[in-house]
PDB file of N, CA and C in Angstrom:
ATOM      1  N   MET A   1       0.969  -1.252  -0.038  1.00  0.00           N
ATOM      2  CA  MET A   1       0.302  -0.025   0.002  1.00  0.00           C
ATOM      3  C   MET A   1       0.946   1.368  -0.088  1.00  0.00           C
ATOM      4  N   SER A   2       1.061   1.841  -1.097  1.00  0.00           N
ATOM      5  CA  SER A   2       1.790   2.807  -1.287  1.00  0.00           C
ATOM      6  C   SER A   2       0.668   4.034  -1.257  1.00  0.00           C
ATOM      7  N   SER A   3       1.349   5.060  -0.641  1.00  0.00           N
ATOM      8  CA  SER A   3       0.383   6.021  -0.782  1.00  0.00           C
ATOM      9  C   SER A   3       0.693   7.294  -1.989  1.00  0.00           C
ATOM     10  N   THR A   4       0.296   7.927  -2.228  1.00  0.00           N
ATOM     11  CA  THR A   4       0.249   8.518  -3.709  1.00  0.00           C
ATOM     12  C   THR A   4       0.109   9.892  -3.103  1.00  0.00           C
ATOM     13  N   THR A   5       0.989  10.690  -3.650  1.00  0.00           N
ATOM     14  CA  THR A   5       0.577  12.058  -3.113  1.00  0.00           C
ATOM     15  C   THR A   5       0.232  13.026  -4.666  1.00  0.00           C
ATOM     16  N   THR A   6      -0.911  13.463  -4.581  1.00  0.00           N
ATOM     17  CA  THR A   6      -1.037  14.425  -5.810  1.00  0.00           C
ATOM     18  C   THR A   6      -0.965  15.765  -5.631  1.00  0.00           C
ATOM     19  N   PRO A   7      -0.142  16.549  -6.620  1.00  0.00           N
ATOM     20  CA  PRO A   7      -0.077  17.847  -6.106  1.00  0.00           C
ATOM     21  C   PRO A   7      -1.484  18.608  -6.097  1.00  0.00           C
ATOM     22  N   THR A   8      -1.489  19.352  -5.520  1.00  0.00           N
ATOM     23  CA  THR A   8      -2.851  20.411  -5.085  1.00  0.00           C
ATOM     24  C   THR A   8      -2.667  21.737  -5.556  1.00  0.00           C
ATOM     25  N   THR A   9      -3.403  22.147  -6.453  1.00  0.00           N
ATOM     26  CA  THR A   9      -3.380  23.461  -7.021  1.00  0.00           C
ATOM     27  C   THR A   9      -4.166  24.251  -6.222  1.00  0.00           C
ATOM     28  N   PRO A  10      -3.492  25.560  -5.670  1.00  0.00           N
ATOM     29  CA  PRO A  10      -4.146  26.247  -4.872  1.00  0.00           C
ATOM     30  C   PRO A  10      -5.821  26.664  -5.412  1.00  0.00           C
ATOM     31  N   PRO A  11      -6.617  27.180  -4.914  1.00  0.00           N
ATOM     32  CA  PRO A  11      -7.876  27.475  -5.204  1.00  0.00           C
ATOM     33  C   PRO A  11      -7.848  28.719  -6.264  1.00  0.00           C
ATOM     34  N   ALA A  12      -8.574  28.798  -7.028  1.00  0.00           N
ATOM     35  CA  ALA A  12      -8.622  30.342  -7.962  1.00  0.00           C
ATOM     36  C   ALA A  12      -9.036  31.046  -7.138  1.00  0.00           C
ATOM     37  N   ALA A  13      -8.327  32.527  -7.262  1.00  0.00           N
ATOM     38  CA  ALA A  13      -8.573  33.568  -6.771  1.00  0.00           C
ATOM     39  C   ALA A  13     -10.296  33.999  -7.048  1.00  0.00           C
ATOM     40  N   THR A  14     -10.928  34.023  -5.902  1.00  0.00           N
ATOM     41  CA  THR A  14     -12.560  34.091  -6.286  1.00  0.00           C
ATOM     42  C   THR A  14     -12.837  35.703  -5.469  1.00  0.00           C
ATOM     43  N   PRO A  15     -13.745  36.682  -5.979  1.00  0.00           N
ATOM     44  CA  PRO A  15     -13.750  37.929  -5.351  1.00  0.00           C
ATOM     45  C   PRO A  15     -14.595  37.501  -4.036  1.00  0.00           C
ATOM     46  N   LYS A  16     -14.077  38.241  -3.229  1.00  0.00           N
ATOM     47  CA  LYS A  16     -14.691  38.297  -1.799  1.00  0.00           C
ATOM     48  C   LYS A  16     -16.298  38.735  -1.974  1.00  0.00           C
ATOM     49  N   ALA A  17     -17.119  37.874  -1.446  1.00  0.00           N
ATOM     50  CA  ALA A  17     -18.322  38.518  -1.418  1.00  0.00           C
ATOM     51  C   ALA A  17     -18.925  39.428  -0.640  1.00  0.00           C
ATOM     52  N   ARG A  18     -19.616  40.450  -1.368  1.00  0.00           N
ATOM     53  CA  ARG A  18     -19.876  41.598  -0.376  1.00  0.00           C
ATOM     54  C   ARG A  18     -20.940  41.290   0.503  1.00  0.00           C
ATOM     55  N   ARG A  19     -20.707  41.490   1.705  1.00  0.00           N
ATOM     56  CA  ARG A  19     -21.647  41.714   2.563  1.00  0.00           C
ATOM     57  C   ARG A  19     -22.765  42.765   2.520  1.00  0.00           C
ATOM     58  N   PRO A  20     -24.090  42.327   2.419  1.00  0.00           N
ATOM     59  CA  PRO A  20     -25.072  43.336   1.870  1.00  0.00           C
ATOM     60  C   PRO A  20     -24.903  44.577   3.127  1.00  0.00           C
ATOM     61  N   ARG A  21     -25.384  45.504   2.897  1.00  0.00           N
ATOM     62  CA  ARG A  21     -25.211  46.772   3.653  1.00  0.00           C
ATOM     63  C   ARG A  21     -26.635  47.009   4.093  1.00  0.00           C
ATOM     64  N   ARG A  22     -26.832  47.390   5.420  1.00  0.00           N
ATOM     65  CA  ARG A  22     -28.176  47.419   5.966  1.00  0.00           C
ATOM     66  C   ARG A  22     -28.435  48.920   6.308  1.00  0.00           C
ATOM     67  N   TYR A  23     -28.254  49.681   5.569  1.00  0.00           N
ATOM     68  CA  TYR A  23     -28.210  51.363   5.737  1.00  0.00           C
ATOM     69  C   TYR A  23     -29.839  51.622   5.908  1.00  0.00           C
ATOM     70  N   PHE A  24     -30.699  50.919   5.009  1.00  0.00           N
ATOM     71  CA  PHE A  24     -31.973  51.036   5.142  1.00  0.00           C
ATOM     72  C   PHE A  24     -32.595  50.601   6.559  1.00  0.00           C
ATOM     73  N   MET A  25     -32.202  49.701   7.112  1.00  0.00           N
ATOM     74  CA  MET A  25     -32.634  49.002   8.412  1.00  0.00           C
ATOM     75  C   MET A  25     -32.382  49.843   9.533  1.00  0.00           C
ATOM     76  N   TRP A  26     -31.024  50.435   9.201  1.00  0.00           N
ATOM     77  CA  TRP A  26     -30.499  51.171  10.477  1.00  0.00           C
ATOM     78  C   TRP A  26     -31.218  52.684  10.466  1.00  0.00           C
ATOM     79  N   MET A  27     -31.581  52.934   9.530  1.00  0.00           N
ATOM     80  CA  MET A  27     -32.216  54.475   9.361  1.00  0.00           C
ATOM     81  C   MET A  27     -33.817  54.249   9.607  1.00  0.00           C
ATOM     82  N   PHE A  28     -34.243  53.088   9.370  1.00  0.00           N
ATOM     83  CA  PHE A  28     -35.557  53.011   9.865  1.00  0.00           C
ATOM     84  C   PHE A  28     -35.575  52.858  11.332  1.00  0.00           C
ATOM     85  N   LEU A  29     -34.871  51.926  11.788  1.00  0.00           N
ATOM     86  CA  LEU A  29     -34.650  51.740  13.575  1.00  0.00           C
ATOM     87  C   LEU A  29     -34.382  52.919  14.120  1.00  0.00           C
ATOM     88  N   VAL A  30     -33.603  53.860  13.520  1.00  0.00           N
ATOM     89  CA  VAL A  30     -33.250  55.302  13.919  1.00  0.00           C
ATOM     90  C   VAL A  30     -34.692  56.022  14.080  1.00  0.00           C
ATOM     91  N   ILE A  31     -35.007  56.215  13.056  1.00  0.00           N
ATOM     92  CA  ILE A  31     -36.508  56.717  12.971  1.00  0.00           C
ATOM     93  C   ILE A  31     -37.572  56.454  13.992  1.00  0.00           C
ATOM     94  N   GLN A  32     -37.563  54.994  13.845  1.00  0.00           N
ATOM     95  CA  GLN A  32     -38.665  54.516  15.066  1.00  0.00           C
ATOM     96  C   GLN A  32     -38.174  54.930  16.661  1.00  0.00           C
ATOM     97  N   ALA A  33     -37.239  54.967  16.705  1.00  0.00           N
ATOM     98  CA  ALA A  33     -36.392  55.637  17.906  1.00  0.00           C
ATOM     99  C   ALA A  33     -36.678  56.884  18.076  1.00  0.00           C
ATOM    100  N   LEU A  34     -36.834  57.605  17.416  1.00  0.00           N
ATOM    101  CA  LEU A  34     -36.968  59.156  17.067  1.00  0.00           C
ATOM    102  C   LEU A  34     -38.556  59.352  17.456  1.00  0.00           C
ATOM    103  N   PHE A  35     -39.350  58.709  16.660  1.00  0.00           N
ATOM    104  CA  PHE A  35     -40.761  58.774  16.983  1.00  0.00           C
ATOM    105  C   PHE A  35     -41.171  58.202  18.298  1.00  0.00           C
ATOM    106  N   THR A  36     -40.647  57.240  18.698  1.00  0.00           N
ATOM    107  CA  THR A  36     -41.119  56.425  20.136  1.00  0.00           C
ATOM    108  C   THR A  36     -40.628  57.700  21.363  1.00  0.00           C
ATOM    109  N   PHE A  37     -39.376  58.215  21.141  1.00  0.00           N
ATOM    110  CA  PHE A  37     -38.990  59.258  21.937  1.00  0.00           C
ATOM    111  C   PHE A  37     -40.004  60.323  21.823  1.00  0.00           C
ATOM    112  N   TRP A  38     -40.388  60.880  20.664  1.00  0.00           N
ATOM    113  CA  TRP A  38     -41.363  62.071  20.913  1.00  0.00           C
ATOM    114  C   TRP A  38     -42.526  61.946  21.265  1.00  0.00           C
ATOM    115  N   LEU A  39     -43.305  60.361  21.185  1.00  0.00           N
ATOM    116  CA  LEU A  39     -44.564  60.147  21.293  1.00  0.00           C
ATOM    117  C   LEU A  39     -44.314  59.793  23.006  1.00  0.00           C
ATOM    118  N   LEU A  40     -42.935  59.584  23.534  1.00  0.00           N
ATOM    119  CA  LEU A  40     -43.451  59.368  25.133  1.00  0.00           C
ATOM    120  C   LEU A  40     -43.133  60.702  25.798  1.00  0.00           C
ATOM    121  N   SER A  41     -42.283  61.651  25.115  1.00  0.00           N
ATOM    122  CA  SER A  41     -41.940  62.729  25.801  1.00  0.00           C
ATOM    123  C   SER A  41     -43.340  63.769  25.930  1.00  0.00           C
ATOM    124  N   ALA A  42     -44.360  63.555  24.752  1.00  0.00           N
ATOM    125  CA  ALA A  42     -45.477  64.259  24.756  1.00  0.00           C
ATOM    126  C   ALA A  42     -46.406  63.396  25.566  1.00  0.00           C
ATOM    127  N   LEU A  43     -46.380  62.214  25.727  1.00  0.00           N
ATOM    128  CA  LEU A  43     -47.353  61.459  26.765  1.00  0.00           C
ATOM    129  C   LEU A  43     -47.058  61.677  28.201  1.00  0.00           C
ATOM    130  N   LEU A  44     -45.752  61.770  28.253  1.00  0.00           N
ATOM    131  CA  LEU A  44     -45.169  62.019  29.868  1.00  0.00           C
ATOM    132  C   LEU A  44     -45.069  63.505  30.435  1.00  0.00           C
ATOM    133  N   ALA A  45     -45.357  64.378  29.440  1.00  0.00           N
ATOM    134  CA  ALA A  45     -45.546  65.720  29.438  1.00  0.00           C
ATOM    135  C   ALA A  45     -46.499  66.206  30.886  1.00  0.00           C
ATOM    136  N   GLY A  46     -46.381  67.125  31.475  1.00  0.00           N
ATOM    137  CA  GLY A  46     -47.170  67.604  32.398  1.00  0.00           C
ATOM    138  C   GLY A  46     -48.401  67.896  31.812  1.00  0.00           C
ATOM    139  N   THR A  47     -49.599  67.691  32.765  1.00  0.00           N
ATOM    140  CA  THR A  47     -51.056  67.908  32.016  1.00  0.00           C
ATOM    141  C   THR A  47     -51.306  68.709  32.829  1.00  0.00           C
ATOM    142  N   GLY A  48     -52.602  69.593  32.363  1.00  0.00           N
ATOM    143  CA  GLY A  48     -53.333  70.353  33.326  1.00  0.00           C
ATOM    144  C   GLY A  48     -53.202  71.957  32.975  1.00  0.00           C
ATOM    145  N   ALA A  49     -53.895  72.395  33.612  1.00  0.00           N
ATOM    146  CA  ALA A  49     -53.702  74.197  33.515  1.00  0.00           C
ATOM    147  C   ALA A  49     -52.588  74.806  34.632  1.00  0.00           C
ATOM    148  N   SER A  50     -52.316  75.621  34.004  1.00  0.00           N
ATOM    149  CA  SER A  50     -51.075  76.478  34.822  1.00  0.00           C
ATOM    150  C   SER A  50     -51.726  77.643  35.892  1.00  0.00           C
ATOM    151  N   PRO A  51     -51.275  77.591  36.922  1.00  0.00           N
ATOM    152  CA  PRO A  51     -52.270  78.561  37.720  1.00  0.00           C
ATOM    153  C   PRO A  51     -52.232  79.976  37.137  1.00  0.00           C
ATOM    154  N   ALA A  52     -51.489  80.257  36.309  1.00  0.00           N
ATOM    155  CA  ALA A  52     -51.896  81.900  35.620  1.00  0.00           C
ATOM    156  C   ALA A  52     -53.344  81.453  34.987  1.00  0.00           C
ATOM    157  N   GLU A  53     -53.332  80.276  34.110  1.00  0.00           N
ATOM    158  CA  GLU A  53     -54.544  79.952  33.321  1.00  0.00           C
ATOM    159  C   GLU A  53     -55.774  79.779  34.161  1.00  0.00           C
ATOM    160  N   ILE A  54     -55.463  79.286  35.346  1.00  0.00           N
ATOM    161  CA  ILE A  54     -56.782  79.380  36.174  1.00  0.00           C
ATOM    162  C   ILE A  54     -57.170  80.552  36.806  1.00  0.00           C
ATOM    163  N   ALA A  55     -56.115  81.347  37.165  1.00  0.00           N
ATOM    164  CA  ALA A  55     -56.388  82.683  37.572  1.00  0.00           C
ATOM    165  C   ALA A  55     -56.919  83.556  36.733  1.00  0.00           C
ATOM    166  N   GLN A  56     -56.687  83.307  35.351  1.00  0.00           N
ATOM    167  CA  GLN A  56     -57.221  84.307  34.561  1.00  0.00           C
ATOM    168  C   GLN A  56     -58.863  83.798  34.273  1.00  0.00           C
ATOM    169  N   MET A  57     -59.184  82.555  34.335  1.00  0.00           N
ATOM    170  CA  MET A  57     -60.194  81.974  34.150  1.00  0.00           C
ATOM    171  C   MET A  57     -61.294  82.332  35.425  1.00  0.00           C
ATOM    172  N   CYS A  58     -60.901  82.258  36.401  1.00  0.00           N
ATOM    173  CA  CYS A  58     -61.603  82.030  37.917  1.00  0.00           C
ATOM    174  C   CYS A  58     -61.253  83.151  38.612  1.00  0.00           C
ATOM    175  N   GLY A  59     -60.056  84.108  38.313  1.00  0.00           N
ATOM    176  CA  GLY A  59     -59.809  85.128  39.110  1.00  0.00           C
ATOM    177  C   GLY A  59     -60.813  86.461  39.173  1.00  0.00           C
ATOM    178  N   HIS A  60     -60.364  87.160  40.074  1.00  0.00           N
ATOM    179  CA  HIS A  60     -61.544  88.375  40.217  1.00  0.00           C
ATOM    180  C   HIS A  60     -62.922  88.296  40.232  1.00  0.00           C
ATOM    181  N   GLY A  61     -63.361  87.214  40.950  1.00  0.00           N
ATOM    182  CA  GLY A  61     -64.823  87.086  41.030  1.00  0.00           C
ATOM    183  C   GLY A  61     -65.520  86.399  39.800  1.00  0.00           C
ATOM    184  N   ALA A  62     -65.017  85.778  38.995  1.00  0.00           N
ATOM    185  CA  ALA A  62     -65.243  85.716  37.531  1.00  0.00           C
ATOM    186  C   ALA A  62     -66.000  84.033  38.155  1.00  0.00           C
ATOM    187  N   TRP A  63     -65.627  83.530  39.063  1.00  0.00           N
ATOM    188  CA  TRP A  63     -66.126  82.316  39.202  1.00  0.00           C
ATOM    189  C   TRP A  63     -67.690  82.417  40.115  1.00  0.00           C
ATOM    190  N   SER A  64     -68.194  83.617  40.434  1.00  0.00           N
ATOM    191  CA  SER A  64     -69.214  83.955  41.168  1.00  0.00           C
ATOM    192  C   SER A  64     -70.560  83.247  40.354  1.00  0.00           C
ATOM    193  N   PRO A  65     -70.682  83.409  39.175  1.00  0.00           N
ATOM    194  CA  PRO A  65     -72.043  83.206  38.356  1.00  0.00           C
ATOM    195  C   PRO A  65     -72.079  81.567  38.265  1.00  0.00           C
ATOM    196  N   LEU A  66     -71.069  80.751  38.333  1.00  0.00           N
ATOM    197  CA  LEU A  66     -71.235  79.647  37.757  1.00  0.00           C
ATOM    198  C   LEU A  66     -70.691  78.468  39.100  1.00  0.00           C
ATOM    199  N   TRP A  67     -70.020  79.235  39.897  1.00  0.00           N
ATOM    200  CA  TRP A  67     -69.331  78.349  41.079  1.00  0.00           C
ATOM    201  C   TRP A  67     -69.373  78.633  42.466  1.00  0.00           C
ATOM    202  N   LYS A  68     -69.434  77.796  43.360  1.00  0.00           N
ATOM    203  CA  LYS A  68     -69.718  78.431  44.954  1.00  0.00           C
ATOM    204  C   LYS A  68     -68.279  78.865  45.310  1.00  0.00           C
ATOM    205  N   SER A  69     -66.989  78.563  44.702  1.00  0.00           N
ATOM    206  CA  SER A  69     -66.000  79.294  45.351  1.00  0.00           C
ATOM    207  C   SER A  69     -64.870  79.303  44.074  1.00  0.00           C
ATOM    208  N   TYR A  70     -63.771  79.880  44.518  1.00  0.00           N
ATOM    209  CA  TYR A  70     -62.638  79.786  43.390  1.00  0.00           C
ATOM    210  C   TYR A  70     -61.916  78.566  43.481  1.00  0.00           C
ATOM    211  N   GLN A  71     -62.035  77.731  44.313  1.00  0.00           N
ATOM    212  CA  GLN A  71     -61.249  76.321  44.251  1.00  0.00           C
ATOM    213  C   GLN A  71     -62.201  75.497  43.567  1.00  0.00           C
ATOM    214  N   ASP A  72     -63.616  75.413  43.602  1.00  0.00           N
ATOM    215  CA  ASP A  72     -64.510  75.124  42.679  1.00  0.00           C
ATOM    216  C   ASP A  72     -64.370  75.425  41.257  1.00  0.00           C
ATOM    217  N   CYS A  73     -64.447  76.742  40.964  1.00  0.00           N
ATOM    218  CA  CYS A  73     -64.017  76.618  39.641  1.00  0.00           C
ATOM    219  C   CYS A  73     -62.663  76.213  38.954  1.00  0.00           C
ATOM    220  N   ALA A  74     -61.729  76.189  39.907  1.00  0.00           N
ATOM    221  CA  ALA A  74     -60.479  75.702  39.447  1.00  0.00           C
ATOM    222  C   ALA A  74     -60.341  74.207  39.255  1.00  0.00           C
ATOM    223  N   ALA A  75     -61.363  73.748  40.256  1.00  0.00           N
ATOM    224  CA  ALA A  75     -61.279  72.140  39.906  1.00  0.00           C
ATOM    225  C   ALA A  75     -62.198  71.783  38.582  1.00  0.00           C
ATOM    226  N   HIS A  76     -63.426  72.464  38.580  1.00  0.00           N
ATOM    227  CA  HIS A  76     -64.218  72.002  37.519  1.00  0.00           C
ATOM    228  C   HIS A  76     -64.733  73.082  36.333  1.00  0.00           C
ATOM    229  N   SER A  77     -63.751  73.854  36.019  1.00  0.00           N
ATOM    230  CA  SER A  77     -64.169  74.930  35.144  1.00  0.00           C
ATOM    231  C   SER A  77     -63.912  74.274  33.566  1.00  0.00           C
ATOM    232  N   GLY A  78     -62.980  73.346  33.317  1.00  0.00           N
ATOM    233  CA  GLY A  78     -63.092  72.534  32.237  1.00  0.00           C
ATOM    234  C   GLY A  78     -62.064  72.888  31.389  1.00  0.00           C
ATOM    235  N   ILE A  79     -60.966  73.912  32.124  1.00  0.00           N
ATOM    236  CA  ILE A  79     -59.778  74.078  31.388  1.00  0.00           C
ATOM    237  C   ILE A  79     -58.791  72.848  31.489  1.00  0.00           C
ATOM    238  N   VAL A  80     -58.834  72.116  32.860  1.00  0.00           N
ATOM    239  CA  VAL A  80     -58.275  71.074  32.658  1.00  0.00           C
ATOM    240  C   VAL A  80     -58.607  69.965  31.717  1.00  0.00           C
ATOM    241  N   ALA A  81     -59.807  69.786  31.281  1.00  0.00           N
ATOM    242  CA  ALA A  81     -60.506  68.886  30.661  1.00  0.00           C
ATOM    243  C   ALA A  81     -59.802  69.397  29.105  1.00  0.00           C
ATOM    244  N   ALA A  82     -59.742  70.589  28.691  1.00  0.00           N
ATOM    245  CA  ALA A  82     -59.421  71.009  27.691  1.00  0.00           C
ATOM    246  C   ALA A  82     -58.092  70.916  27.117  1.00  0.00           C
ATOM    247  N   HIS A  83     -56.846  70.925  28.105  1.00  0.00           N
ATOM    248  CA  HIS A  83     -55.649  70.421  28.235  1.00  0.00           C
ATOM    249  C   HIS A  83     -55.559  68.911  27.933  1.00  0.00           C
ATOM    250  N   ASP A  84     -56.421  68.052  28.421  1.00  0.00           N
ATOM    251  CA  ASP A  84     -56.300  66.645  27.939  1.00  0.00           C
ATOM    252  C   ASP A  84     -57.163  66.461  26.610  1.00  0.00           C
ATOM    253  N   VAL A  85     -57.921  67.205  26.341  1.00  0.00           N
ATOM    254  CA  VAL A  85     -58.427  66.702  24.855  1.00  0.00           C
ATOM    255  C   VAL A  85     -57.284  67.279  23.723  1.00  0.00           C
ATOM    256  N   GLY A  86     -56.554  68.572  24.390  1.00  0.00           N
ATOM    257  CA  GLY A  86     -55.712  68.833  23.291  1.00  0.00           C
ATOM    258  C   GLY A  86     -54.590  68.141  23.290  1.00  0.00           C
ATOM    259  N   LYS A  87     -54.295  67.464  24.624  1.00  0.00           N
ATOM    260  CA  LYS A  87     -53.189  66.540  24.391  1.00  0.00           C
ATOM    261  C   LYS A  87     -53.473  65.115  23.811  1.00  0.00           C
ATOM    262  N   GLY A  88     -54.714  64.636  23.563  1.00  0.00           N
ATOM    263  CA  GLY A  88     -55.302  63.654  23.042  1.00  0.00           C
ATOM    264  C   GLY A  88     -55.085  63.888  21.315  1.00  0.00           C
ATOM    265  N   ILE A  89     -55.421  65.069  21.004  1.00  0.00           N
ATOM    266  CA  ILE A  89     -55.223  65.414  19.662  1.00  0.00           C
ATOM    267  C   ILE A  89     -53.912  65.387  19.028  1.00  0.00           C
ATOM    268  N   ALA A  90     -53.018  65.789  20.087  1.00  0.00           N
ATOM    269  CA  ALA A  90     -51.750  66.112  19.536  1.00  0.00           C
ATOM    270  C   ALA A  90     -50.961  64.523  19.485  1.00  0.00           C
ATOM    271  N   LEU A  91     -51.342  63.755  20.364  1.00  0.00           N
ATOM    272  CA  LEU A  91     -51.070  62.283  20.194  1.00  0.00           C
ATOM    273  C   LEU A  91     -51.337  61.497  19.104  1.00  0.00           C
ATOM    274  N   THR A  92     -52.931  62.022  18.574  1.00  0.00           N
ATOM    275  CA  THR A  92     -53.266  61.474  17.601  1.00  0.00           C
ATOM    276  C   THR A  92     -52.709  61.614  16.309  1.00  0.00           C
ATOM    277  N   MET A  93     -52.289  63.096  16.333  1.00  0.00           N
ATOM    278  CA  MET A  93     -51.283  63.630  15.180  1.00  0.00           C
ATOM    279  C   MET A  93     -50.121  62.965  15.120  1.00  0.00           C
ATOM    280  N   MET A  94     -49.422  62.704  16.085  1.00  0.00           N
ATOM    281  CA  MET A  94     -47.998  62.252  16.095  1.00  0.00           C
ATOM    282  C   MET A  94     -48.175  60.886  15.719  1.00  0.00           C
ATOM    283  N   VAL A  95     -48.936  59.860  16.255  1.00  0.00           N
ATOM    284  CA  VAL A  95     -49.312  58.632  15.705  1.00  0.00           C
ATOM    285  C   VAL A  95     -49.373  58.774  14.109  1.00  0.00           C
ATOM    286  N   GLY A  96     -50.402  59.548  13.683  1.00  0.00           N
ATOM    287  CA  GLY A  96     -50.814  59.524  12.329  1.00  0.00           C
ATOM    288  C   GLY A  96     -49.494  59.986  11.290  1.00  0.00           C
ATOM    289  N   VAL A  97     -48.565  61.022  11.887  1.00  0.00           N
ATOM    290  CA  VAL A  97     -47.470  61.159  11.055  1.00  0.00           C
ATOM    291  C   VAL A  97     -46.493  60.058  10.919  1.00  0.00           C
ATOM    292  N   TRP A  98     -46.671  59.530  12.113  1.00  0.00           N
ATOM    293  CA  TRP A  98     -45.434  58.081  12.353  1.00  0.00           C
ATOM    294  C   TRP A  98     -46.051  57.255  11.243  1.00  0.00           C
ATOM    295  N   VAL A  99     -47.348  56.902  11.437  1.00  0.00           N
ATOM    296  CA  VAL A  99     -47.776  55.805  10.388  1.00  0.00           C
ATOM    297  C   VAL A  99     -47.677  56.119   8.914  1.00  0.00           C
ATOM    298  N   ALA A 100     -47.976  57.333   8.568  1.00  0.00           N
ATOM    299  CA  ALA A 100     -47.516  57.929   7.433  1.00  0.00           C
ATOM    300  C   ALA A 100     -46.083  57.811   6.836  1.00  0.00           C
ATOM    301  N   VAL A 101     -45.352  58.268   7.502  1.00  0.00           N
ATOM    302  CA  VAL A 101     -43.915  57.943   7.581  1.00  0.00           C
ATOM    303  C   VAL A 101     -43.268  56.364   7.169  1.00  0.00           C
ATOM    304  N   ASP A 102     -43.970  55.740   8.114  1.00  0.00           N
ATOM    305  CA  ASP A 102     -43.543  54.204   7.956  1.00  0.00           C
ATOM    306  C   ASP A 102     -44.295  53.819   6.738  1.00  0.00           C
ATOM    307  N   VAL A 103     -45.331  54.355   6.292  1.00  0.00           N
ATOM    308  CA  VAL A 103     -45.907  53.932   4.830  1.00  0.00           C
ATOM    309  C   VAL A 103     -44.923  54.202   3.709  1.00  0.00           C
ATOM    310  N   ILE A 104     -44.425  55.699   3.770  1.00  0.00           N
ATOM    311  CA  ILE A 104     -43.699  56.108   2.878  1.00  0.00           C
ATOM    312  C   ILE A 104     -42.596  55.101   2.692  1.00  0.00           C
ATOM    313  N   LEU A 105     -41.682  54.910   3.857  1.00  0.00           N
ATOM    314  CA  LEU A 105     -40.513  54.241   3.600  1.00  0.00           C
ATOM    315  C   LEU A 105     -40.695  52.933   3.355  1.00  0.00           C
ATOM    316  N   GLY A 106     -41.949  52.442   3.614  1.00  0.00           N
ATOM    317  CA  GLY A 106     -42.101  50.934   3.249  1.00  0.00           C
ATOM    318  C   GLY A 106     -42.226  50.702   1.789  1.00  0.00           C
ATOM    319  N   VAL A 107     -42.828  51.849   1.116  1.00  0.00           N
ATOM    320  CA  VAL A 107     -43.165  51.787  -0.347  1.00  0.00           C
ATOM    321  C   VAL A 107     -41.613  52.028  -0.886  1.00  0.00           C
ATOM    322  N   GLY A 108     -41.005  52.909  -0.579  1.00  0.00           N
ATOM    323  CA  GLY A 108     -39.510  53.186  -1.176  1.00  0.00           C
ATOM    324  C   GLY A 108     -38.882  52.230  -1.095  1.00  0.00           C
ATOM    325  N   ARG A 109     -39.017  51.231   0.156  1.00  0.00           N
ATOM    326  CA  ARG A 109     -37.969  49.964   0.100  1.00  0.00           C
ATOM    327  C   ARG A 109     -38.491  48.984  -0.932  1.00  0.00           C
ATOM    328  N   LEU A 110     -39.942  48.714  -1.068  1.00  0.00           N
ATOM    329  CA  LEU A 110     -40.580  47.928  -1.919  1.00  0.00           C
ATOM    330  C   LEU A 110     -39.904  48.301  -3.292  1.00  0.00           C
ATOM    331  N   VAL A 111     -39.778  49.372  -3.467  1.00  0.00           N
ATOM    332  CA  VAL A 111     -39.577  49.999  -4.931  1.00  0.00           C
ATOM    333  C   VAL A 111     -38.267  49.518  -4.978  1.00  0.00           C
ATOM    334  N   VAL A 112     -37.124  49.817  -3.987  1.00  0.00           N
ATOM    335  CA  VAL A 112     -35.793  49.541  -4.230  1.00  0.00           C
ATOM    336  C   VAL A 112     -35.293  48.054  -4.252  1.00  0.00           C
ATOM    337  N   VAL A 113     -36.427  47.315  -3.667  1.00  0.00           N
ATOM    338  CA  VAL A 113     -36.271  45.739  -3.684  1.00  0.00           C
ATOM    339  C   VAL A 113     -36.549  45.114  -5.075  1.00  0.00           C
ATOM    340  N   PHE A 114     -37.605  45.727  -5.500  1.00  0.00           N
ATOM    341  CA  PHE A 114     -37.962  45.350  -6.852  1.00  0.00           C
ATOM    342  C   PHE A 114     -37.143  45.840  -8.089  1.00  0.00           C
ATOM    343  N   ALA A 115     -36.521  46.929  -7.855  1.00  0.00           N
ATOM    344  CA  ALA A 115     -35.932  47.434  -9.050  1.00  0.00           C
ATOM    345  C   ALA A 115     -34.473  46.589  -8.984  1.00  0.00           C
ATOM    346  N   ARG A 116     -33.939  46.288  -7.642  1.00  0.00           N
ATOM    347  CA  ARG A 116     -32.881  45.181  -7.694  1.00  0.00           C
ATOM    348  C   ARG A 116     -32.997  43.965  -8.362  1.00  0.00           C
ATOM    349  N   ARG A 117     -34.340  43.601  -8.242  1.00  0.00           N
ATOM    350  CA  ARG A 117     -34.649  42.127  -8.721  1.00  0.00           C
ATOM    351  C   ARG A 117     -34.531  42.055  -9.908  1.00  0.00           C
ATOM    352  N   SER A 118     -34.824  43.025 -10.540  1.00  0.00           N
ATOM    353  CA  SER A 118     -34.820  43.156 -12.146  1.00  0.00           C
ATOM    354  C   SER A 118     -33.748  43.092 -13.005  1.00  0.00           C
ATOM    355  N   ARG A 119     -32.813  43.464 -12.344  1.00  0.00           N
ATOM    356  CA  ARG A 119     -31.466  43.735 -12.727  1.00  0.00           C
ATOM    357  C   ARG A 119     -30.835  41.986 -13.132  1.00  0.00           C
TER     358      ARG A 119
END
């Protein structure tokens, strides 16, 4: 049993495969993080009327036709509810912009992917 060695040829130089770059994925994730931060900052922001707004609405006896006292006017005047409604509208608009941006990015990504496949 003799062993014969065969000369081996070095493998042909093959071009190094390029790793796909994930620019879109990272850009998309950064945009999602920014929208999340924006939404949470608005959601966690202080709500309610400022003392100046309450004083403007209830001060100088303006409470007397409708309320029993200044404190009753400050608690039930509706200015606090108006702030909450405004905050809800703002959050709804933020989510709407977020969804619109995501749809635009998604359609753009599909256009790029299908354009690359056709080549």
